[in-house]
Amino acid sequence: MQLSDDDLMSLESGIAAFESKHFSQAMQALYPLAEAGHADAQYRVAIMCQNGLGVVRKPEEAVKWMRAAAAQGSAMAQHGLGFMYLEGDCVDKEPAQAVQWFEKAAEQGLAGSKTTLALMYAQGSGVERDLEAARRWYISAGFDPAEIDSLHR
């Protein structure tokens, strides 16, 4: 999505406010950009709605914006949506659905998603228990192969 200079300034201002924990200010700057379809803004608006940061907690809005950003390929939003399904936060708990979103984020290189997938395969959460698949995900996430076997003893 191509941003005008004003929108780019709003995005940078909103992200800076978000990172500085000035959530009301972040919401003011980012919400219009989320509505306009900007994935980074949608992801941050989703986080604020999910956790009641700068706004009253709004689970439906959180899912709406997280889904929108995830659908645009935002790895962080895909990971966030995976956790929503894994934990049953803002949505029904559906580990199999979580796996699908974590895989999308992992395919983009997100180590946290790879590690979560490794745990899910090791525990058989949302997938058939598969220690070899867990091992592959751990290695992909950067774990030392010599240390992996000790993680689930």
N, C-alpha and C. Protein backbone atom coordinates (compact mmCIF):
# COMPACT_ATOMS: atom_id res chain seq x y z
N MET A 1 0.84 -1.18 0.00
CA MET A 1 0.00 0.00 0.00
C MET A 1 0.89 1.24 0.00
N GLN A 2 0.68 2.11 -0.97
CA GLN A 2 1.44 3.34 -1.10
C GLN A 2 0.83 4.40 -0.18
N LEU A 3 1.66 5.01 0.66
CA LEU A 3 1.17 6.02 1.61
C LEU A 3 1.57 7.41 1.14
N SER A 4 0.66 8.36 1.37
CA SER A 4 1.00 9.76 1.13
C SER A 4 2.00 10.19 2.21
N ASP A 5 2.61 11.35 2.01
CA ASP A 5 3.56 11.84 3.02
C ASP A 5 2.87 12.04 4.37
N ASP A 6 1.63 12.55 4.35
CA ASP A 6 0.89 12.76 5.60
C ASP A 6 0.58 11.43 6.28
N ASP A 7 0.17 10.43 5.49
CA ASP A 7 -0.12 9.11 6.06
C ASP A 7 1.14 8.46 6.62
N LEU A 8 2.25 8.63 5.91
CA LEU A 8 3.51 8.08 6.38
C LEU A 8 3.91 8.72 7.71
N MET A 9 3.70 10.03 7.83
CA MET A 9 3.99 10.70 9.10
C MET A 9 3.07 10.20 10.20
N SER A 10 1.79 10.00 9.88
CA SER A 10 0.84 9.47 10.87
C SER A 10 1.24 8.07 11.30
N LEU A 11 1.67 7.24 10.35
CA LEU A 11 2.10 5.88 10.67
C LEU A 11 3.31 5.90 11.58
N GLU A 12 4.31 6.68 11.22
CA GLU A 12 5.52 6.77 12.04
C GLU A 12 5.20 7.32 13.43
N SER A 13 4.35 8.32 13.49
CA SER A 13 3.94 8.91 14.76
C SER A 13 3.16 7.88 15.59
N GLY A 14 2.26 7.16 14.95
CA GLY A 14 1.46 6.16 15.65
C GLY A 14 2.31 5.02 16.18
N ILE A 15 3.26 4.55 15.37
CA ILE A 15 4.15 3.47 15.81
C ILE A 15 5.02 3.95 16.96
N ALA A 16 5.53 5.16 16.86
CA ALA A 16 6.36 5.70 17.96
C ALA A 16 5.54 5.81 19.24
N ALA A 17 4.30 6.27 19.14
CA ALA A 17 3.43 6.37 20.31
C ALA A 17 3.14 4.98 20.88
N PHE A 18 2.90 4.01 20.01
CA PHE A 18 2.64 2.63 20.43
C PHE A 18 3.86 2.09 21.19
N GLU A 19 5.03 2.25 20.60
CA GLU A 19 6.26 1.74 21.21
C GLU A 19 6.57 2.45 22.54
N SER A 20 6.13 3.70 22.66
CA SER A 20 6.35 4.47 23.90
C SER A 20 5.22 4.27 24.90
N LYS A 21 4.28 3.39 24.56
CA LYS A 21 3.15 3.07 25.43
C LYS A 21 2.17 4.24 25.62
N HIS A 22 2.12 5.12 24.65
CA HIS A 22 1.13 6.19 24.62
C HIS A 22 -0.01 5.72 23.71
N PHE A 23 -0.80 4.80 24.25
CA PHE A 23 -1.73 4.05 23.41
C PHE A 23 -2.91 4.88 22.89
N SER A 24 -3.40 5.83 23.66
CA SER A 24 -4.50 6.67 23.16
C SER A 24 -4.04 7.45 21.94
N GLN A 25 -2.85 8.01 22.03
CA GLN A 25 -2.27 8.76 20.92
C GLN A 25 -2.02 7.83 19.73
N ALA A 26 -1.52 6.63 20.01
CA ALA A 26 -1.27 5.66 18.95
C ALA A 26 -2.57 5.30 18.23
N MET A 27 -3.62 5.08 19.00
CA MET A 27 -4.91 4.71 18.40
C MET A 27 -5.41 5.83 17.49
N GLN A 28 -5.29 7.07 17.93
CA GLN A 28 -5.74 8.21 17.12
C GLN A 28 -5.01 8.26 15.78
N ALA A 29 -3.71 7.98 15.82
CA ALA A 29 -2.92 8.06 14.59
C ALA A 29 -3.12 6.83 13.71
N LEU A 30 -3.25 5.66 14.32
CA LEU A 30 -3.24 4.42 13.54
C LEU A 30 -4.61 3.95 13.05
N TYR A 31 -5.68 4.27 13.78
CA TYR A 31 -7.00 3.76 13.41
C TYR A 31 -7.40 4.16 11.98
N PRO A 32 -7.26 5.43 11.60
CA PRO A 32 -7.62 5.79 10.21
C PRO A 32 -6.80 5.02 9.18
N LEU A 33 -5.54 4.75 9.49
CA LEU A 33 -4.70 4.00 8.56
C LEU A 33 -5.12 2.53 8.52
N ALA A 34 -5.54 1.99 9.66
CA ALA A 34 -6.07 0.62 9.67
C ALA A 34 -7.31 0.54 8.80
N GLU A 35 -8.20 1.51 8.94
CA GLU A 35 -9.41 1.54 8.11
C GLU A 35 -9.08 1.65 6.63
N ALA A 36 -7.98 2.32 6.32
CA ALA A 36 -7.56 2.49 4.93
C ALA A 36 -6.85 1.25 4.39
N GLY A 37 -6.59 0.26 5.27
CA GLY A 37 -6.03 -1.00 4.81
C GLY A 37 -4.55 -1.20 5.05
N HIS A 38 -3.94 -0.38 5.89
CA HIS A 38 -2.51 -0.52 6.15
C HIS A 38 -2.27 -1.62 7.19
N ALA A 39 -1.56 -2.68 6.81
CA ALA A 39 -1.39 -3.87 7.66
C ALA A 39 -0.67 -3.57 8.98
N ASP A 40 0.38 -2.74 8.95
CA ASP A 40 1.09 -2.43 10.21
C ASP A 40 0.17 -1.72 11.19
N ALA A 41 -0.64 -0.81 10.69
CA ALA A 41 -1.60 -0.10 11.54
C ALA A 41 -2.67 -1.08 12.04
N GLN A 42 -3.15 -1.95 11.17
CA GLN A 42 -4.17 -2.92 11.56
C GLN A 42 -3.65 -3.83 12.69
N TYR A 43 -2.42 -4.28 12.57
CA TYR A 43 -1.82 -5.15 13.58
C TYR A 43 -1.76 -4.45 14.94
N ARG A 44 -1.30 -3.22 14.96
CA ARG A 44 -1.17 -2.51 16.22
C ARG A 44 -2.53 -2.14 16.81
N VAL A 45 -3.48 -1.78 15.97
CA VAL A 45 -4.84 -1.51 16.45
C VAL A 45 -5.41 -2.80 17.06
N ALA A 46 -5.17 -3.93 16.42
CA ALA A 46 -5.64 -5.22 16.95
C ALA A 46 -5.06 -5.48 18.34
N ILE A 47 -3.78 -5.25 18.51
CA ILE A 47 -3.12 -5.46 19.81
C ILE A 47 -3.75 -4.57 20.88
N MET A 48 -3.99 -3.31 20.52
CA MET A 48 -4.59 -2.39 21.50
C MET A 48 -6.01 -2.81 21.85
N CYS A 49 -6.79 -3.24 20.87
CA CYS A 49 -8.16 -3.69 21.14
C CYS A 49 -8.15 -5.00 21.93
N GLN A 50 -7.23 -5.88 21.63
CA GLN A 50 -7.14 -7.17 22.32
C GLN A 50 -6.83 -7.00 23.80
N ASN A 51 -5.97 -6.05 24.11
CA ASN A 51 -5.46 -5.90 25.47
C ASN A 51 -6.02 -4.69 26.22
N GLY A 52 -6.92 -3.96 25.58
CA GLY A 52 -7.49 -2.79 26.24
C GLY A 52 -6.45 -1.70 26.48
N LEU A 53 -5.62 -1.46 25.50
CA LEU A 53 -4.56 -0.46 25.61
C LEU A 53 -5.01 0.83 24.93
N GLY A 54 -5.31 1.84 25.70
CA GLY A 54 -5.77 3.12 25.15
C GLY A 54 -7.24 3.11 24.78
N VAL A 55 -7.87 1.96 24.86
CA VAL A 55 -9.30 1.80 24.57
C VAL A 55 -9.83 0.71 25.50
N VAL A 56 -11.14 0.64 25.60
CA VAL A 56 -11.76 -0.48 26.30
C VAL A 56 -11.47 -1.73 25.49
N ARG A 57 -11.20 -2.84 26.16
CA ARG A 57 -10.93 -4.11 25.45
C ARG A 57 -12.09 -4.43 24.51
N LYS A 58 -11.76 -4.69 23.26
CA LYS A 58 -12.76 -4.96 22.21
C LYS A 58 -12.36 -6.23 21.46
N PRO A 59 -12.73 -7.41 21.98
CA PRO A 59 -12.30 -8.67 21.35
C PRO A 59 -12.70 -8.80 19.87
N GLU A 60 -13.92 -8.40 19.52
CA GLU A 60 -14.36 -8.54 18.13
C GLU A 60 -13.52 -7.65 17.20
N GLU A 61 -13.25 -6.44 17.65
CA GLU A 61 -12.41 -5.53 16.86
C GLU A 61 -10.99 -6.09 16.74
N ALA A 62 -10.49 -6.65 17.83
CA ALA A 62 -9.14 -7.21 17.82
C ALA A 62 -9.02 -8.29 16.75
N VAL A 63 -9.99 -9.19 16.70
CA VAL A 63 -9.97 -10.27 15.72
C VAL A 63 -10.11 -9.71 14.31
N LYS A 64 -11.01 -8.76 14.15
CA LYS A 64 -11.22 -8.15 12.82
C LYS A 64 -9.92 -7.58 12.27
N TRP A 65 -9.22 -6.79 13.09
CA TRP A 65 -8.00 -6.13 12.61
C TRP A 65 -6.84 -7.11 12.49
N MET A 66 -6.74 -8.08 13.41
CA MET A 66 -5.66 -9.06 13.32
C MET A 66 -5.83 -9.90 12.06
N ARG A 67 -7.07 -10.30 11.78
CA ARG A 67 -7.35 -11.07 10.55
C ARG A 67 -7.01 -10.27 9.30
N ALA A 68 -7.38 -9.00 9.31
CA ALA A 68 -7.13 -8.15 8.14
C ALA A 68 -5.64 -8.03 7.87
N ALA A 69 -4.86 -7.81 8.91
CA ALA A 69 -3.41 -7.69 8.74
C ALA A 69 -2.80 -9.04 8.35
N ALA A 70 -3.27 -10.12 8.97
CA ALA A 70 -2.76 -11.46 8.66
C ALA A 70 -3.05 -11.82 7.21
N ALA A 71 -4.23 -11.48 6.73
CA ALA A 71 -4.61 -11.78 5.35
C ALA A 71 -3.73 -11.05 4.34
N GLN A 72 -3.17 -9.92 4.77
CA GLN A 72 -2.26 -9.16 3.90
C GLN A 72 -0.83 -9.68 3.97
N GLY A 73 -0.61 -10.71 4.81
CA GLY A 73 0.71 -11.32 4.87
C GLY A 73 1.59 -10.83 6.01
N SER A 74 1.04 -10.07 6.94
CA SER A 74 1.84 -9.62 8.09
C SER A 74 2.17 -10.83 8.97
N ALA A 75 3.46 -11.17 9.03
CA ALA A 75 3.89 -12.32 9.83
C ALA A 75 3.55 -12.13 11.31
N MET A 76 3.70 -10.92 11.81
CA MET A 76 3.39 -10.66 13.22
C MET A 76 1.89 -10.85 13.48
N ALA A 77 1.05 -10.43 12.55
CA ALA A 77 -0.39 -10.61 12.71
C ALA A 77 -0.76 -12.08 12.58
N GLN A 78 -0.11 -12.80 11.68
CA GLN A 78 -0.36 -14.24 11.56
C GLN A 78 0.00 -14.94 12.87
N HIS A 79 1.12 -14.56 13.44
CA HIS A 79 1.55 -15.12 14.73
C HIS A 79 0.54 -14.74 15.82
N GLY A 80 0.13 -13.47 15.82
CA GLY A 80 -0.84 -13.01 16.81
C GLY A 80 -2.17 -13.74 16.70
N LEU A 81 -2.63 -13.96 15.48
CA LEU A 81 -3.88 -14.69 15.27
C LEU A 81 -3.72 -16.15 15.70
N GLY A 82 -2.54 -16.71 15.45
CA GLY A 82 -2.26 -18.06 15.92
C GLY A 82 -2.39 -18.15 17.43
N PHE A 83 -1.85 -17.17 18.13
CA PHE A 83 -1.95 -17.19 19.60
C PHE A 83 -3.38 -16.98 20.07
N MET A 84 -4.14 -16.18 19.36
CA MET A 84 -5.54 -16.02 19.74
C MET A 84 -6.24 -17.38 19.71
N TYR A 85 -6.02 -18.13 18.63
CA TYR A 85 -6.64 -19.46 18.52
C TYR A 85 -6.03 -20.46 19.50
N LEU A 86 -4.76 -20.37 19.76
CA LEU A 86 -4.11 -21.29 20.69
C LEU A 86 -4.63 -21.10 22.11
N GLU A 87 -4.79 -19.84 22.51
CA GLU A 87 -5.18 -19.52 23.87
C GLU A 87 -6.70 -19.34 24.05
N GLY A 88 -7.43 -19.21 22.94
CA GLY A 88 -8.85 -18.92 23.06
C GLY A 88 -9.08 -17.49 23.50
N ASP A 89 -8.23 -16.58 23.05
CA ASP A 89 -8.33 -15.17 23.40
C ASP A 89 -9.01 -14.43 22.25
N CYS A 90 -10.18 -13.91 22.47
CA CYS A 90 -10.99 -13.17 21.50
C CYS A 90 -11.68 -14.09 20.50
N VAL A 91 -11.32 -15.34 20.44
CA VAL A 91 -11.92 -16.35 19.56
C VAL A 91 -12.04 -17.64 20.36
N ASP A 92 -12.80 -18.60 19.80
CA ASP A 92 -12.83 -19.92 20.43
C ASP A 92 -11.46 -20.57 20.31
N LYS A 93 -11.11 -21.33 21.32
CA LYS A 93 -9.83 -22.03 21.32
C LYS A 93 -9.86 -23.12 20.25
N GLU A 94 -8.98 -23.01 19.27
CA GLU A 94 -8.90 -23.96 18.17
C GLU A 94 -7.44 -24.19 17.80
N PRO A 95 -6.76 -25.11 18.51
CA PRO A 95 -5.34 -25.33 18.23
C PRO A 95 -5.01 -25.67 16.78
N ALA A 96 -5.89 -26.41 16.10
CA ALA A 96 -5.62 -26.75 14.70
C ALA A 96 -5.60 -25.49 13.82
N GLN A 97 -6.48 -24.54 14.12
CA GLN A 97 -6.49 -23.26 13.41
C GLN A 97 -5.22 -22.46 13.75
N ALA A 98 -4.80 -22.55 15.01
CA ALA A 98 -3.57 -21.88 15.43
C ALA A 98 -2.39 -22.36 14.61
N VAL A 99 -2.30 -23.68 14.41
CA VAL A 99 -1.20 -24.26 13.65
C VAL A 99 -1.13 -23.64 12.26
N GLN A 100 -2.27 -23.49 11.62
CA GLN A 100 -2.28 -22.93 10.26
C GLN A 100 -1.69 -21.52 10.23
N TRP A 101 -2.05 -20.70 11.22
CA TRP A 101 -1.53 -19.33 11.24
C TRP A 101 -0.06 -19.29 11.63
N PHE A 102 0.34 -20.14 12.59
CA PHE A 102 1.76 -20.19 12.95
C PHE A 102 2.60 -20.64 11.76
N GLU A 103 2.08 -21.58 10.97
CA GLU A 103 2.83 -22.04 9.80
C GLU A 103 3.03 -20.91 8.80
N LYS A 104 2.01 -20.09 8.59
CA LYS A 104 2.13 -18.95 7.66
C LYS A 104 3.23 -18.00 8.13
N ALA A 105 3.24 -17.71 9.44
CA ALA A 105 4.26 -16.81 9.98
C ALA A 105 5.64 -17.47 9.94
N ALA A 106 5.70 -18.76 10.24
CA ALA A 106 6.98 -19.48 10.23
C ALA A 106 7.57 -19.51 8.83
N GLU A 107 6.71 -19.66 7.83
CA GLU A 107 7.18 -19.66 6.43
C GLU A 107 7.85 -18.35 6.07
N GLN A 108 7.51 -17.28 6.80
CA GLN A 108 8.14 -15.98 6.57
C GLN A 108 9.36 -15.78 7.46
N GLY A 109 9.70 -16.82 8.23
CA GLY A 109 10.93 -16.78 9.02
C GLY A 109 10.77 -16.38 10.47
N LEU A 110 9.55 -16.23 10.96
CA LEU A 110 9.35 -15.79 12.34
C LEU A 110 9.73 -16.90 13.32
N ALA A 111 10.82 -16.71 14.03
CA ALA A 111 11.35 -17.74 14.93
C ALA A 111 10.37 -18.10 16.04
N GLY A 112 9.63 -17.13 16.55
CA GLY A 112 8.66 -17.42 17.61
C GLY A 112 7.58 -18.38 17.14
N SER A 113 7.16 -18.25 15.89
CA SER A 113 6.16 -19.17 15.33
C SER A 113 6.76 -20.55 15.14
N LYS A 114 8.01 -20.61 14.71
CA LYS A 114 8.68 -21.90 14.54
C LYS A 114 8.80 -22.62 15.88
N THR A 115 9.17 -21.89 16.92
CA THR A 115 9.31 -22.48 18.25
C THR A 115 7.96 -22.94 18.78
N THR A 116 6.93 -22.14 18.57
CA THR A 116 5.58 -22.52 19.01
C THR A 116 5.12 -23.77 18.28
N LEU A 117 5.38 -23.85 16.98
CA LEU A 117 5.03 -25.05 16.22
C LEU A 117 5.79 -26.26 16.75
N ALA A 118 7.06 -26.09 17.08
CA ALA A 118 7.84 -27.20 17.63
C ALA A 118 7.19 -27.72 18.90
N LEU A 119 6.79 -26.81 19.77
CA LEU A 119 6.12 -27.21 21.01
C LEU A 119 4.80 -27.92 20.73
N MET A 120 4.05 -27.38 19.77
CA MET A 120 2.75 -27.98 19.46
C MET A 120 2.91 -29.39 18.90
N TYR A 121 3.91 -29.59 18.04
CA TYR A 121 4.17 -30.93 17.52
C TYR A 121 4.67 -31.86 18.62
N ALA A 122 5.49 -31.35 19.51
CA ALA A 122 6.01 -32.17 20.60
C ALA A 122 4.90 -32.60 21.55
N GLN A 123 3.92 -31.73 21.74
CA GLN A 123 2.83 -32.01 22.67
C GLN A 123 1.60 -32.61 22.00
N GLY A 124 1.56 -32.57 20.66
CA GLY A 124 0.37 -33.04 19.96
C GLY A 124 -0.81 -32.11 20.15
N SER A 125 -0.55 -30.83 20.16
CA SER A 125 -1.60 -29.82 20.34
C SER A 125 -1.98 -29.24 18.98
N GLY A 126 -3.17 -29.59 18.50
CA GLY A 126 -3.63 -29.10 17.21
C GLY A 126 -3.12 -29.90 16.03
N VAL A 127 -2.19 -30.80 16.30
CA VAL A 127 -1.61 -31.69 15.29
C VAL A 127 -1.33 -33.03 15.95
N GLU A 128 -1.08 -34.04 15.13
CA GLU A 128 -0.64 -35.34 15.68
C GLU A 128 0.72 -35.12 16.33
N ARG A 129 0.94 -35.75 17.44
CA ARG A 129 2.25 -35.66 18.09
C ARG A 129 3.29 -36.24 17.14
N ASP A 130 4.33 -35.46 16.87
CA ASP A 130 5.36 -35.86 15.91
C ASP A 130 6.68 -35.25 16.37
N LEU A 131 7.47 -36.03 17.08
CA LEU A 131 8.72 -35.51 17.64
C LEU A 131 9.74 -35.15 16.56
N GLU A 132 9.69 -35.83 15.43
CA GLU A 132 10.61 -35.49 14.34
C GLU A 132 10.24 -34.13 13.73
N ALA A 133 8.96 -33.88 13.56
CA ALA A 133 8.52 -32.57 13.06
C ALA A 133 8.88 -31.49 14.08
N ALA A 134 8.69 -31.79 15.36
CA ALA A 134 9.08 -30.83 16.41
C ALA A 134 10.56 -30.51 16.31
N ARG A 135 11.35 -31.54 16.12
CA ARG A 135 12.81 -31.36 16.01
C ARG A 135 13.16 -30.46 14.82
N ARG A 136 12.51 -30.72 13.68
CA ARG A 136 12.77 -29.90 12.48
C ARG A 136 12.42 -28.43 12.74
N TRP A 137 11.27 -28.18 13.41
CA TRP A 137 10.88 -26.80 13.70
C TRP A 137 11.87 -26.15 14.67
N TYR A 138 12.30 -26.89 15.68
CA TYR A 138 13.30 -26.34 16.61
C TYR A 138 14.57 -25.95 15.87
N ILE A 139 15.05 -26.84 15.02
CA ILE A 139 16.28 -26.55 14.27
C ILE A 139 16.06 -25.34 13.37
N SER A 140 14.93 -25.28 12.71
CA SER A 140 14.60 -24.14 11.85
C SER A 140 14.57 -22.84 12.64
N ALA A 141 14.15 -22.93 13.92
CA ALA A 141 14.09 -21.73 14.77
C ALA A 141 15.46 -21.34 15.31
N GLY A 142 16.48 -22.19 15.07
CA GLY A 142 17.83 -21.83 15.49
C GLY A 142 18.32 -22.53 16.74
N PHE A 143 17.57 -23.52 17.23
CA PHE A 143 18.01 -24.25 18.41
C PHE A 143 19.18 -25.17 18.04
N ASP A 144 20.05 -25.40 18.99
CA ASP A 144 21.18 -26.32 18.83
C ASP A 144 20.63 -27.74 18.81
N PRO A 145 20.86 -28.48 17.72
CA PRO A 145 20.34 -29.85 17.63
C PRO A 145 20.73 -30.73 18.81
N ALA A 146 21.89 -30.50 19.37
CA ALA A 146 22.35 -31.33 20.50
C ALA A 146 21.51 -31.09 21.76
N GLU A 147 20.86 -29.95 21.85
CA GLU A 147 20.08 -29.60 23.05
C GLU A 147 18.58 -29.90 22.92
N ILE A 148 18.12 -30.19 21.72
CA ILE A 148 16.69 -30.34 21.47
C ILE A 148 16.08 -31.50 22.25
N ASP A 149 16.75 -32.64 22.28
CA ASP A 149 16.18 -33.82 22.94
C ASP A 149 15.93 -33.59 24.42
N SER A 150 16.71 -32.74 25.04
CA SER A 150 16.53 -32.48 26.47
C SER A 150 15.33 -31.56 26.77
N LEU A 151 14.76 -30.94 25.74
CA LEU A 151 13.65 -30.00 25.95
C LEU A 151 12.36 -30.67 26.40
N HIS A 152 12.18 -31.94 26.05
CA HIS A 152 10.90 -32.60 26.34
C HIS A 152 11.06 -33.86 27.15
N ARG A 153 12.02 -33.87 28.02
CA ARG A 153 12.20 -35.03 28.92
C ARG A 153 11.47 -34.80 30.19
